[in-house]
Amino acid sequence: MTIPQHKNRIRTLAAALAGAAAGVAVFFWLYGAMTLDVTSDAWILNGYDETDILQHYAGWVLFRNSHWALPPGLCDTLAWPQGTMVAYTDSLPWVSMAFKLLRGALPSIFQWFGWYTLFCFAMQGAAGALLCTRGAKSGGWGSRLAFAALGGLLFACLPTLWERAFRHVALASQYLFLFALYFYLEYRAALAQGRRPRWGWVFVALPFAAVGIHPYFLPPVMLCTLLAGIELWRAAKRPLAGAGLFGGGLLAALAGAWLTGAVGSGVAVSRYGYGEISMNLNALFNPSSRGGYTWSRLLPQQAQNPSQYDGFNYLGLGVLALVASALLYSIWRTARRPADTAAWWRRNGPLFAACAFLTLFAVTNNITFGSWTLSIPIPQALTDLCGIFRSSGRMFYLVAACMVLFGVYTLRGACAWSHPAAGRGRALACGLLAVVCAVQLWDLSAVAAQKRALFDQEPAPNVVTAAETQTLGAGHTRLLAASPLREDRTRRLAILAGKQGLATNISIAVSGQYPAAEALALQAGEQLLAGQYDPETVYVTTDGAQYEQWQSIYAGDPGVTLFVTDSCYFLVPQAAG
């Protein structure tokens, strides 16, 4: 029986909402509601596993104060006077730009990281539900919604999402490539059935969105666009249309990259580290990451190189069991129905090739399994090119999603094949997927408790909240580092500058070189030693010896205040007027 188009759309929307609800439930289980208070940033100032979230928050507060210019991603209040791009602080350029438009109506303290992470969990659940239920055109509402909610729950419980959320907020946006994968599969199905695909515009919109959320999501999204173009060639015999689809996605990505300042800004992109910050071959079953969490209640942590902490790709015990069972079942079915397996390979060959490429890129030419390493020499030019995405383990995220889908689709197909009675088959599929989710939740329950406990801690005193620093913006316009700063203080000092409305020569960008800002620091230090200072400028150093020199020079100057807080040494002239 053919289901009317409008009913299919209603079913699709209902599935997405069920998955989104599951994702939201996982978020509140993990973090509670504390991070959703947009006027509270104390939990951010504590850091989260490392100080990346401080960098992202600093980028936002300084970008909020910057002037509008071309490209719109320019942040002229950071790495002053040269400035940098908000894309280089990993502060989700599109989100930062949207809230910058509203800055006149926002409270003085405004953080959107909690709400955005909640959005990521909701979208991850929605995308997971759509992926798990696609192709299932029959069945009652109850079984379909149950399977959608379970699929959304499973995807929302992928450890890679939990590991990135709040530690690196932009990289929690994994819904981008999940939706790209979903629309590619729908596009492919329409072409295979001789229908006109309805989702061509998505392959232009998603690359544009991805480059302005985090560039690391651009390769997997563009690969899905490429795969859709290949299907236009394979199924519809329209190679030029396929090339046009890919070209449109590429042009959209370039446009987004220019608007955010990721390209064409004159700031050189760093190209080092490929082959070091990689994925260990044991990553799928290695529950080891930053923060010392108990990622598995059963599996022990495995050895890996120190720099491979960013290649975390643990799947979770439930997903590992699902994928292993699917592989065994597929081997058995291949022996029984080899024609079906051959058809599967013809249908999924391009996607499998894309996953193989992403896996090779993630592993790099320095192949590691535990502590064992095999290095394969490659040209330096290729190393430099790949170094644009030097944290290569992140490229495996799409492969892991495809592995989950392989398991879910195999489970769904096995139930339908083993039990011709459709109702019984659907009930069995829901029951088995519920077991998978239960195992996954049990395996991750310890890390869930540990992460929830992080938000119950009292904020530690720091330079941003110190009483002496609360009025630095009154009559001053700049916060200048007068010497190279301790790395563990640069991000907090940048946040301080942003919250006080000050431009700063401090650089927290993850890419590029800023010689003008560095020269200004040396110049400021020399001027202070010569007894000269700008009354509109606040000076800071983390060098105790330099501060002792300031004390000896300015001890009797009534126009200067000297103080120390959080291992940061300040010289604050009395503001003019």
Protein backbone atom coordinates (compact mmCIF):
# COMPACT_ATOMS: atom_id res chain seq x y z
CA MET A 1 0.00 0.00 0.00
CA THR A 2 1.34 3.41 -0.98
CA ILE A 3 1.29 5.95 1.83
CA PRO A 4 0.31 9.50 0.81
CA GLN A 5 3.19 11.97 0.70
CA HIS A 6 1.77 14.22 3.41
CA LYS A 7 1.47 11.27 5.79
CA ASN A 8 5.10 10.32 5.14
CA ARG A 9 6.12 13.86 6.03
CA ILE A 10 4.12 13.73 9.25
CA ARG A 11 5.73 10.40 10.14
CA THR A 12 9.18 11.82 9.40
CA LEU A 13 8.55 14.87 11.57
CA ALA A 14 7.17 12.72 14.38
CA ALA A 15 10.25 10.48 14.24
CA ALA A 16 12.55 13.50 14.36
CA LEU A 17 10.70 14.94 17.35
CA ALA A 18 10.85 11.61 19.18
CA GLY A 19 14.60 11.42 18.60
CA ALA A 20 15.07 15.05 19.64
CA ALA A 21 13.20 14.38 22.88
CA ALA A 22 15.53 11.46 23.59
CA GLY A 23 18.55 13.70 22.96
CA VAL A 24 17.20 16.38 25.30
CA ALA A 25 16.62 13.76 28.00
CA VAL A 26 20.23 12.60 27.71
CA PHE A 27 21.45 16.20 28.04
CA PHE A 28 19.54 16.81 31.27
CA TRP A 29 20.67 13.44 32.63
CA LEU A 30 24.29 14.40 32.01
CA TYR A 31 24.37 18.08 32.92
CA GLY A 32 21.15 19.21 34.52
CA ALA A 33 19.87 22.73 33.82
CA MET A 34 22.60 24.84 35.43
CA THR A 35 24.42 25.61 32.17
CA LEU A 36 21.22 27.06 30.68
CA ASP A 37 21.44 30.20 32.82
CA VAL A 38 22.80 32.59 30.19
CA THR A 39 23.89 35.13 32.81
CA SER A 40 26.11 32.64 34.69
CA ASP A 41 29.59 31.89 33.38
CA ALA A 42 31.29 30.67 36.57
CA TRP A 43 31.16 27.06 35.35
CA ILE A 44 32.94 28.13 32.15
CA LEU A 45 35.67 29.91 34.11
CA ASN A 46 36.34 26.62 35.91
CA GLY A 47 37.27 25.05 32.57
CA TYR A 48 36.07 21.63 31.44
CA ASP A 49 38.64 18.82 31.18
CA GLU A 50 41.04 21.42 29.73
CA THR A 51 40.91 25.15 28.93
CA ASP A 52 39.45 24.98 25.42
CA ILE A 53 36.07 26.26 26.58
CA LEU A 54 37.84 29.32 28.03
CA GLN A 55 39.24 30.01 24.58
CA HIS A 56 35.82 29.70 22.96
CA TYR A 57 34.20 31.95 25.56
CA ALA A 58 37.00 34.53 25.27
CA GLY A 59 36.56 34.56 21.51
CA TRP A 60 32.84 35.23 21.92
CA VAL A 61 33.09 38.04 24.50
CA LEU A 62 35.81 39.83 22.52
CA PHE A 63 34.05 39.32 19.20
CA ARG A 64 30.87 40.70 20.75
CA ASN A 65 32.74 43.98 21.43
CA SER A 66 34.47 44.18 18.06
CA HIS A 67 33.49 46.49 15.24
CA TRP A 68 31.54 45.20 12.25
CA ALA A 69 33.80 44.96 9.22
CA LEU A 70 34.48 42.85 6.16
CA PRO A 71 34.73 39.98 6.49
CA PRO A 72 32.10 39.88 9.26
CA GLY A 73 34.17 37.34 11.16
CA LEU A 74 36.89 39.91 11.94
CA CYS A 75 37.58 40.33 15.66
CA ASP A 76 39.61 43.53 15.98
CA THR A 77 39.57 43.52 19.78
CA LEU A 78 41.73 40.38 20.00
CA ALA A 79 45.44 40.19 19.01
CA TRP A 80 45.18 43.98 18.75
CA PRO A 81 46.14 45.97 16.69
CA GLN A 82 46.26 43.35 13.92
CA GLY A 83 43.14 41.50 14.97
CA THR A 84 42.17 37.93 14.15
CA MET A 85 39.13 35.98 13.00
CA VAL A 86 36.44 34.51 15.22
CA ALA A 87 36.86 31.28 13.23
CA TYR A 88 40.35 30.95 14.73
CA THR A 89 39.04 30.96 18.31
CA ASP A 90 36.64 28.05 17.62
CA SER A 91 33.79 30.22 18.91
CA LEU A 92 31.18 28.91 16.41
CA PRO A 93 31.27 31.89 14.02
CA TRP A 94 27.64 31.64 12.84
CA VAL A 95 26.35 31.51 16.42
CA SER A 96 28.65 34.33 17.54
CA MET A 97 27.58 36.49 14.61
CA ALA A 98 23.90 35.88 15.29
CA PHE A 99 24.21 36.95 18.92
CA LYS A 100 26.49 39.85 18.03
CA LEU A 101 23.59 41.25 16.00
CA LEU A 102 21.60 41.28 19.24
CA ARG A 103 24.37 42.55 21.51
CA GLY A 104 22.53 45.78 22.35
CA ALA A 105 19.71 43.79 23.92
CA LEU A 106 21.85 41.19 25.70
CA PRO A 107 22.81 41.33 29.39
CA SER A 108 26.40 42.27 30.21
CA ILE A 109 27.22 38.63 30.94
CA PHE A 110 25.78 36.38 28.27
CA GLN A 111 26.88 32.84 27.49
CA TRP A 112 25.02 30.68 25.01
CA PHE A 113 27.15 27.54 25.34
CA GLY A 114 24.66 25.63 27.48
CA TRP A 115 21.73 26.23 25.14
CA TYR A 116 23.79 25.46 22.06
CA THR A 117 24.98 22.16 23.55
CA LEU A 118 21.36 21.28 24.39
CA PHE A 119 20.55 22.04 20.74
CA CYS A 120 23.36 19.68 19.65
CA PHE A 121 21.93 16.83 21.72
CA ALA A 122 18.44 17.46 20.36
CA MET A 123 19.67 17.55 16.77
CA GLN A 124 21.85 14.49 17.28
CA GLY A 125 18.82 12.61 18.55
CA ALA A 126 16.63 13.88 15.70
CA ALA A 127 19.20 12.92 13.05
CA GLY A 128 19.72 9.53 14.67
CA ALA A 129 15.97 8.86 14.70
CA LEU A 130 15.62 9.80 11.04
CA LEU A 131 18.57 7.63 10.05
CA CYS A 132 17.30 4.62 12.00
CA THR A 133 13.72 4.81 10.69
CA ARG A 134 14.36 5.79 7.08
CA GLY A 135 13.11 3.29 4.55
CA ALA A 136 10.54 1.88 6.99
CA LYS A 137 7.41 3.07 5.21
CA SER A 138 5.07 0.56 6.82
CA GLY A 139 4.24 -0.17 10.41
CA GLY A 140 2.08 1.33 13.08
CA TRP A 141 2.68 4.69 14.73
CA GLY A 142 3.59 3.12 18.06
CA SER A 143 6.37 0.85 16.80
CA ARG A 144 7.76 3.52 14.48
CA LEU A 145 7.92 6.18 17.19
CA ALA A 146 9.41 3.70 19.65
CA PHE A 147 12.12 2.73 17.17
CA ALA A 148 12.74 6.42 16.40
CA ALA A 149 13.12 7.31 20.07
CA LEU A 150 15.47 4.37 20.64
CA GLY A 151 17.51 5.29 17.57
CA GLY A 152 17.74 8.89 18.73
CA LEU A 153 18.74 7.70 22.21
CA LEU A 154 21.48 5.48 20.81
CA PHE A 155 22.98 8.29 18.72
CA ALA A 156 22.68 10.75 21.62
CA CYS A 157 24.65 8.25 23.71
CA LEU A 158 27.64 8.06 21.38
CA PRO A 159 30.70 8.74 23.56
CA THR A 160 32.24 11.06 20.95
CA LEU A 161 29.35 13.49 21.52
CA TRP A 162 29.67 13.34 25.30
CA GLU A 163 33.44 13.72 25.16
CA ARG A 164 33.25 16.87 23.04
CA ALA A 165 30.26 18.55 24.68
CA PHE A 166 31.46 21.51 26.78
CA ARG A 167 35.08 20.46 26.37
CA HIS A 168 34.97 21.67 22.76
CA VAL A 169 31.48 22.99 22.13
CA ALA A 170 31.84 23.41 18.36
CA LEU A 171 32.86 19.77 17.93
CA ALA A 172 29.64 18.67 19.62
CA SER A 173 27.89 19.78 16.39
CA GLN A 174 28.05 16.25 15.01
CA TYR A 175 24.47 16.55 13.81
CA LEU A 176 25.88 18.32 10.73
CA PHE A 177 27.35 15.22 9.12
CA LEU A 178 24.54 13.02 10.46
CA PHE A 179 21.99 15.10 8.56
CA ALA A 180 24.30 15.13 5.53
CA LEU A 181 24.40 11.33 5.68
CA TYR A 182 20.62 11.11 6.04
CA PHE A 183 19.92 13.36 3.08
CA TYR A 184 22.48 11.53 0.96
CA LEU A 185 20.78 8.21 1.68
CA GLU A 186 17.36 9.70 0.91
CA TYR A 187 18.73 11.29 -2.26
CA ARG A 188 20.22 7.96 -3.33
CA ALA A 189 16.97 6.10 -2.63
CA ALA A 190 14.94 8.55 -4.71
CA LEU A 191 17.29 8.21 -7.67
CA ALA A 192 17.28 4.40 -7.40
CA GLN A 193 13.48 4.42 -7.53
CA GLY A 194 13.39 6.73 -10.51
CA ARG A 195 11.97 9.62 -8.50
CA ARG A 196 13.17 13.19 -8.59
CA PRO A 197 15.19 13.92 -5.42
CA ARG A 198 13.87 16.78 -3.31
CA TRP A 199 16.92 17.53 -1.21
CA GLY A 200 19.49 19.01 -3.60
CA TRP A 201 19.58 22.35 -1.78
CA VAL A 202 20.71 20.62 1.43
CA PHE A 203 24.06 19.80 -0.15
CA VAL A 204 24.66 23.51 -0.58
CA ALA A 205 23.28 24.61 2.80
CA LEU A 206 25.14 22.06 4.95
CA PRO A 207 28.67 22.87 3.68
CA PHE A 208 27.92 26.57 4.23
CA ALA A 209 26.72 25.80 7.77
CA ALA A 210 29.59 23.41 8.56
CA VAL A 211 32.41 25.80 7.71
CA GLY A 212 30.91 28.42 10.03
CA ILE A 213 30.46 25.98 12.92
CA HIS A 214 33.80 24.17 12.75
CA PRO A 215 35.93 23.49 9.64
CA TYR A 216 36.58 19.89 10.74
CA PHE A 217 33.00 19.07 9.83
CA LEU A 218 33.43 20.32 6.27
CA PRO A 219 35.25 17.19 4.89
CA PRO A 220 32.57 14.66 6.01
CA VAL A 221 29.75 16.95 4.87
CA MET A 222 31.44 17.54 1.51
CA LEU A 223 32.01 13.80 1.13
CA CYS A 224 28.26 13.26 1.46
CA THR A 225 27.74 15.96 -1.17
CA LEU A 226 30.24 14.21 -3.42
CA LEU A 227 28.47 10.89 -2.90
CA ALA A 228 25.14 12.48 -3.89
CA GLY A 229 26.81 13.80 -7.04
CA ILE A 230 28.17 10.32 -7.80
CA GLU A 231 24.66 8.90 -7.49
CA LEU A 232 23.42 11.42 -10.04
CA TRP A 233 26.04 10.00 -12.36
CA ARG A 234 25.50 6.33 -11.47
CA ALA A 235 21.71 6.13 -11.22
CA ALA A 236 20.48 9.04 -13.34
CA LYS A 237 23.34 9.16 -15.88
CA ARG A 238 23.77 12.89 -15.25
CA PRO A 239 27.49 13.40 -14.57
CA LEU A 240 27.36 17.14 -15.25
CA ALA A 241 24.51 17.57 -12.77
CA GLY A 242 26.52 15.60 -10.22
CA ALA A 243 29.55 17.81 -10.78
CA GLY A 244 27.32 20.87 -10.46
CA LEU A 245 25.92 19.62 -7.16
CA PHE A 246 29.40 19.11 -5.73
CA GLY A 247 30.58 22.42 -7.16
CA GLY A 248 27.64 24.23 -5.60
CA GLY A 249 28.47 22.78 -2.20
CA LEU A 250 32.12 23.75 -2.61
CA LEU A 251 31.26 27.33 -3.59
CA ALA A 252 28.91 27.61 -0.62
CA ALA A 253 31.67 26.41 1.67
CA LEU A 254 34.11 28.95 0.22
CA ALA A 255 31.56 31.72 0.67
CA GLY A 256 31.03 30.73 4.29
CA ALA A 257 34.78 30.48 4.86
CA TRP A 258 35.28 34.02 3.53
CA LEU A 259 32.46 35.45 5.65
CA THR A 260 33.90 33.90 8.80
CA GLY A 261 37.45 34.86 7.85
CA ALA A 262 38.72 31.29 7.60
CA VAL A 263 40.06 32.03 4.11
CA GLY A 264 41.09 35.25 2.41
CA SER A 265 41.79 37.06 5.68
CA GLY A 266 45.56 37.23 5.28
CA VAL A 267 46.10 35.14 8.43
CA ALA A 268 48.23 32.11 7.64
CA VAL A 269 46.71 28.76 8.63
CA SER A 270 48.91 26.52 10.78
CA ARG A 271 49.88 23.28 9.04
CA TYR A 272 51.68 21.04 11.48
CA GLY A 273 50.96 18.01 13.65
CA TYR A 274 49.48 15.61 11.08
CA GLY A 275 50.52 12.11 12.03
CA GLU A 276 50.84 12.97 15.73
CA ILE A 277 47.32 13.97 16.87
CA SER A 278 45.90 10.86 15.23
CA MET A 279 43.60 7.91 15.93
CA ASN A 280 45.00 4.78 17.48
CA LEU A 281 43.69 1.57 15.92
CA ASN A 282 42.41 0.53 19.35
CA ALA A 283 40.28 3.67 19.67
CA LEU A 284 36.97 1.90 19.02
CA PHE A 285 37.31 -0.17 22.19
CA ASN A 286 39.66 2.07 24.17
CA PRO A 287 37.68 4.01 26.82
CA SER A 288 40.45 6.54 27.45
CA SER A 289 40.25 10.32 27.09
CA ARG A 290 41.05 13.61 28.81
CA GLY A 291 39.72 14.06 32.31
CA GLY A 292 40.37 10.57 33.70
CA TYR A 293 36.74 9.48 33.24
CA THR A 294 35.44 5.91 33.57
CA TRP A 295 34.15 5.59 30.03
CA SER A 296 33.32 1.91 30.39
CA ARG A 297 32.15 -0.18 33.32
CA LEU A 298 33.63 -3.29 31.69
CA LEU A 299 36.43 -2.53 29.22
CA PRO A 300 39.84 -1.44 30.54
CA GLN A 301 41.76 1.54 29.19
CA GLN A 302 44.31 0.71 26.50
CA ALA A 303 47.73 2.18 25.79
CA GLN A 304 48.03 5.00 23.27
CA ASN A 305 50.48 7.76 22.44
CA PRO A 306 50.04 10.91 24.59
CA SER A 307 49.12 13.07 21.59
CA GLN A 308 46.32 10.69 20.57
CA TYR A 309 43.96 11.82 23.34
CA ASP A 310 42.17 13.87 20.67
CA GLY A 311 41.59 10.75 18.57
CA PHE A 312 39.01 9.45 21.07
CA ASN A 313 36.49 7.28 19.20
CA TYR A 314 35.24 4.81 21.78
CA LEU A 315 31.90 3.40 20.58
CA GLY A 316 30.43 2.16 23.85
CA LEU A 317 29.72 -1.44 24.79
CA GLY A 318 26.18 -1.42 23.39
CA VAL A 319 27.30 -0.20 19.97
CA LEU A 320 30.28 -2.58 19.94
CA ALA A 321 27.95 -5.52 20.66
CA LEU A 322 25.50 -4.33 17.99
CA VAL A 323 28.18 -3.96 15.31
CA ALA A 324 29.85 -7.27 16.18
CA SER A 325 26.50 -9.10 16.02
CA ALA A 326 25.67 -7.41 12.71
CA LEU A 327 28.99 -8.52 11.23
CA LEU A 328 28.48 -12.14 12.32
CA TYR A 329 24.93 -12.14 11.00
CA SER A 330 26.05 -10.62 7.69
CA ILE A 331 28.72 -13.29 7.24
CA TRP A 332 26.15 -15.98 7.87
CA ARG A 333 23.66 -14.39 5.51
CA THR A 334 26.31 -13.97 2.80
CA ALA A 335 26.71 -17.73 2.78
CA ARG A 336 22.95 -18.16 2.54
CA ARG A 337 22.12 -15.34 0.11
CA PRO A 338 25.24 -14.19 -1.74
CA ALA A 339 23.16 -12.28 -4.31
CA ASP A 340 21.85 -9.98 -1.55
CA THR A 341 25.39 -9.28 -0.38
CA ALA A 342 26.51 -8.47 -3.92
CA ALA A 343 23.60 -6.04 -4.27
CA TRP A 344 24.54 -4.44 -0.93
CA TRP A 345 28.10 -3.83 -2.13
CA ARG A 346 26.90 -2.35 -5.42
CA ARG A 347 24.60 -0.01 -3.55
CA ASN A 348 27.02 0.99 -0.80
CA GLY A 349 30.35 0.78 -2.61
CA PRO A 350 30.90 4.57 -2.86
CA LEU A 351 29.94 5.13 0.79
CA PHE A 352 32.26 2.32 1.89
CA ALA A 353 35.09 3.87 -0.14
CA ALA A 354 34.45 7.24 1.53
CA CYS A 355 34.57 5.59 4.96
CA ALA A 356 37.82 3.81 4.05
CA PHE A 357 39.35 7.15 3.01
CA LEU A 358 38.26 8.86 6.24
CA THR A 359 39.64 5.96 8.27
CA LEU A 360 43.03 6.12 6.54
CA PHE A 361 43.15 9.87 7.06
CA ALA A 362 42.26 9.46 10.75
CA VAL A 363 44.93 6.80 11.33
CA THR A 364 47.52 8.80 9.26
CA ASN A 365 50.79 7.48 7.89
CA ASN A 366 51.98 6.83 11.46
CA ILE A 367 49.93 3.72 12.13
CA THR A 368 49.60 2.82 15.81
CA PHE A 369 48.00 -0.01 17.72
CA GLY A 370 48.47 0.52 21.41
CA SER A 371 52.16 1.36 21.79
CA TRP A 372 53.17 -0.29 18.51
CA THR A 373 53.89 2.12 15.67
CA LEU A 374 54.61 1.78 11.96
CA SER A 375 55.58 4.97 10.12
CA ILE A 376 55.14 5.16 6.35
CA PRO A 377 57.05 8.10 4.82
CA ILE A 378 54.99 10.52 2.74
CA PRO A 379 56.08 13.74 0.98
CA GLN A 380 56.37 16.78 3.23
CA ALA A 381 54.07 18.72 0.92
CA LEU A 382 51.34 16.14 1.55
CA THR A 383 51.99 16.26 5.29
CA ASP A 384 51.63 20.06 5.24
CA LEU A 385 48.40 19.83 3.24
CA CYS A 386 46.90 17.25 5.60
CA GLY A 387 48.09 19.38 8.53
CA ILE A 388 45.14 21.72 7.97
CA PHE A 389 43.14 18.95 9.68
CA ARG A 390 45.93 17.76 11.95
CA SER A 391 43.58 16.41 14.64
CA SER A 392 42.82 13.67 12.19
CA GLY A 393 40.99 11.31 14.55
CA ARG A 394 37.92 13.54 14.27
CA MET A 395 37.49 12.39 10.68
CA PHE A 396 36.39 8.99 11.95
CA TYR A 397 33.16 10.37 13.44
CA LEU A 398 31.23 9.80 10.19
CA VAL A 399 32.63 6.28 9.88
CA ALA A 400 31.47 5.49 13.41
CA ALA A 401 27.98 6.78 12.54
CA CYS A 402 27.91 4.49 9.50
CA MET A 403 28.94 1.56 11.70
CA VAL A 404 26.01 2.28 14.02
CA LEU A 405 23.67 2.45 11.03
CA PHE A 406 25.03 -0.81 9.67
CA GLY A 407 24.19 -2.44 12.97
CA VAL A 408 20.71 -0.90 13.21
CA TYR A 409 19.77 -1.70 9.60
CA THR A 410 21.07 -5.26 9.95
CA LEU A 411 19.05 -5.70 13.13
CA ARG A 412 15.95 -4.28 11.49
CA GLY A 413 16.35 -6.43 8.40
CA ALA A 414 17.05 -9.59 10.38
CA CYS A 415 13.87 -9.16 12.38
CA ALA A 416 11.78 -8.60 9.26
CA TRP A 417 13.38 -11.57 7.50
CA SER A 418 13.18 -13.97 10.43
CA HIS A 419 9.57 -13.11 11.22
CA PRO A 420 7.35 -12.61 8.18
CA ALA A 421 4.58 -11.44 10.49
CA ALA A 422 5.33 -7.70 10.32
CA GLY A 423 3.98 -6.84 13.77
CA ARG A 424 6.08 -9.49 15.45
CA GLY A 425 9.17 -8.41 13.53
CA ARG A 426 8.75 -4.75 14.46
CA ALA A 427 8.24 -5.60 18.12
CA LEU A 428 11.35 -7.79 18.11
CA ALA A 429 13.41 -5.03 16.45
CA CYS A 430 12.29 -2.50 19.06
CA GLY A 431 13.03 -4.95 21.87
CA LEU A 432 16.54 -5.72 20.62
CA LEU A 433 17.35 -2.04 20.05
CA ALA A 434 16.12 -1.31 23.58
CA VAL A 435 18.57 -3.93 24.88
CA VAL A 436 21.40 -2.29 22.91
CA CYS A 437 20.50 1.11 24.39
CA ALA A 438 20.31 -0.36 27.89
CA VAL A 439 23.80 -1.88 27.56
CA GLN A 440 25.12 1.41 26.18
CA LEU A 441 23.60 3.39 29.06
CA TRP A 442 24.92 0.97 31.65
CA ASP A 443 28.40 1.05 30.15
CA LEU A 444 28.46 4.88 30.20
CA SER A 445 26.65 5.39 33.49
CA ALA A 446 29.83 5.96 35.48
CA VAL A 447 31.11 8.71 33.19
CA ALA A 448 27.63 10.26 33.20
CA ALA A 449 27.76 10.56 36.99
CA GLN A 450 31.29 11.96 36.86
CA LYS A 451 30.36 14.60 34.31
CA ARG A 452 27.25 15.63 36.24
CA ALA A 453 29.38 16.06 39.38
CA LEU A 454 31.61 18.60 37.61
CA PHE A 455 28.79 21.13 37.59
CA ASP A 456 28.21 20.80 41.32
CA GLN A 457 31.65 22.24 42.13
CA GLU A 458 32.05 25.74 43.50
CA PRO A 459 33.86 28.07 41.06
CA ALA A 460 37.50 28.66 41.93
CA PRO A 461 38.68 32.27 42.43
CA ASN A 462 40.44 33.63 39.35
CA VAL A 463 41.57 36.82 37.71
CA VAL A 464 38.25 37.35 35.93
CA THR A 465 36.24 37.45 39.15
CA ALA A 466 38.82 39.14 41.41
CA ALA A 467 37.53 42.29 43.13
CA GLU A 468 40.49 44.37 41.88
CA THR A 469 39.72 43.67 38.21
CA GLN A 470 36.02 44.52 38.17
CA THR A 471 36.43 48.21 37.24
CA LEU A 472 39.29 48.03 34.74
CA GLY A 473 36.96 49.07 31.93
CA ALA A 474 36.14 52.39 33.59
CA GLY A 475 38.12 54.94 31.60
CA HIS A 476 40.44 52.42 29.96
CA THR A 477 40.30 51.10 26.40
CA ARG A 478 43.01 48.44 26.21
CA LEU A 479 44.51 45.59 28.21
CA LEU A 480 48.07 45.07 27.01
CA ALA A 481 50.30 42.17 27.87
CA ALA A 482 53.68 43.77 28.52
CA SER A 483 55.59 40.51 28.05
CA PRO A 484 54.85 36.96 26.89
CA LEU A 485 52.26 35.49 29.28
CA ARG A 486 51.99 32.16 31.01
CA GLU A 487 49.93 29.94 28.74
CA ASP A 488 47.58 28.94 31.54
CA ARG A 489 46.59 32.59 32.08
CA THR A 490 46.19 33.94 28.54
CA ARG A 491 42.62 32.74 28.05
CA ARG A 492 41.37 34.01 31.39
CA LEU A 493 43.03 37.38 30.77
CA ALA A 494 41.40 37.52 27.33
CA ILE A 495 38.02 36.85 28.97
CA LEU A 496 38.74 39.60 31.47
CA ALA A 497 39.47 42.03 28.63
CA GLY A 498 36.27 41.10 26.83
CA LYS A 499 34.06 41.38 29.92
CA GLN A 500 35.58 44.78 30.75
CA GLY A 501 35.10 46.03 27.17
CA LEU A 502 38.84 46.31 26.49
CA ALA A 503 40.77 45.51 23.34
CA THR A 504 43.85 43.36 23.97
CA ASN A 505 47.04 42.32 22.24
CA ILE A 506 46.69 38.86 23.80
CA SER A 507 46.27 36.14 21.17
CA ILE A 508 44.32 32.98 21.89
CA ALA A 509 43.81 32.03 18.24
CA VAL A 510 44.49 28.41 17.31
CA SER A 511 45.97 29.40 13.97
CA GLY A 512 48.04 32.18 12.45
CA GLN A 513 50.86 34.43 13.52
CA TYR A 514 50.42 37.88 15.05
CA PRO A 515 53.74 39.75 14.93
CA ALA A 516 52.15 43.18 15.52
CA ALA A 517 50.60 42.03 18.80
CA GLU A 518 53.87 40.43 19.92
CA ALA A 519 55.84 43.56 19.03
CA LEU A 520 53.36 45.67 20.97
CA ALA A 521 53.96 43.57 24.08
CA LEU A 522 57.71 44.15 23.88
CA GLN A 523 57.20 47.84 23.18
CA ALA A 524 54.83 48.22 26.15
CA GLY A 525 57.32 46.50 28.45
CA GLU A 526 60.16 48.80 27.33
CA GLN A 527 58.04 51.93 27.75
CA LEU A 528 57.04 50.97 31.28
CA LEU A 529 60.67 50.40 32.23
CA ALA A 530 61.39 53.87 30.86
CA GLY A 531 58.73 55.34 33.15
CA GLN A 532 56.16 55.91 30.39
CA TYR A 533 52.61 54.65 30.20
CA ASP A 534 49.32 55.36 28.47
CA PRO A 535 46.57 56.41 30.92
CA GLU A 536 43.94 54.59 28.83
CA THR A 537 45.82 51.28 28.97
CA VAL A 538 45.88 48.56 31.62
CA TYR A 539 49.15 46.60 31.64
CA VAL A 540 49.59 43.00 32.75
CA THR A 541 52.40 40.48 33.03
CA THR A 542 52.87 37.04 34.54
CA ASP A 543 56.59 37.66 35.04
CA GLY A 544 57.29 38.29 38.73
CA ALA A 545 60.70 39.83 38.07
CA GLN A 546 59.17 42.34 35.65
CA TYR A 547 56.56 43.25 38.26
CA GLU A 548 59.30 43.92 40.84
CA GLN A 549 60.82 46.39 38.37
CA TRP A 550 57.44 48.12 38.01
CA GLN A 551 57.22 48.39 41.79
CA SER A 552 60.63 50.02 42.06
CA ILE A 553 59.85 52.49 39.26
CA TYR A 554 56.25 53.44 40.14
CA ALA A 555 56.17 53.01 43.92
CA GLY A 556 55.76 56.75 44.50
CA ASP A 557 53.51 57.51 41.53
CA PRO A 558 49.99 58.40 42.78
CA GLY A 559 48.61 57.93 39.28
CA VAL A 560 49.41 54.21 39.18
CA THR A 561 47.90 51.25 41.01
CA LEU A 562 49.84 48.00 41.26
CA PHE A 563 48.26 44.73 42.38
CA VAL A 564 48.57 40.95 42.02
CA THR A 565 45.75 38.45 41.59
CA ASP A 566 45.70 34.86 40.32
CA SER A 567 49.44 35.02 39.48
CA CYS A 568 48.78 37.99 37.19
CA TYR A 569 50.55 41.29 37.87
CA PHE A 570 48.79 44.52 36.94
CA LEU A 571 49.83 48.11 36.45
CA VAL A 572 46.73 50.30 36.19
CA PRO A 573 47.14 54.03 35.47
CA GLN A 574 44.53 56.38 36.83
CA ALA A 575 42.06 56.79 33.97
CA ALA A 576 42.09 60.15 32.20
CA GLY A 577 39.12 62.36 33.13
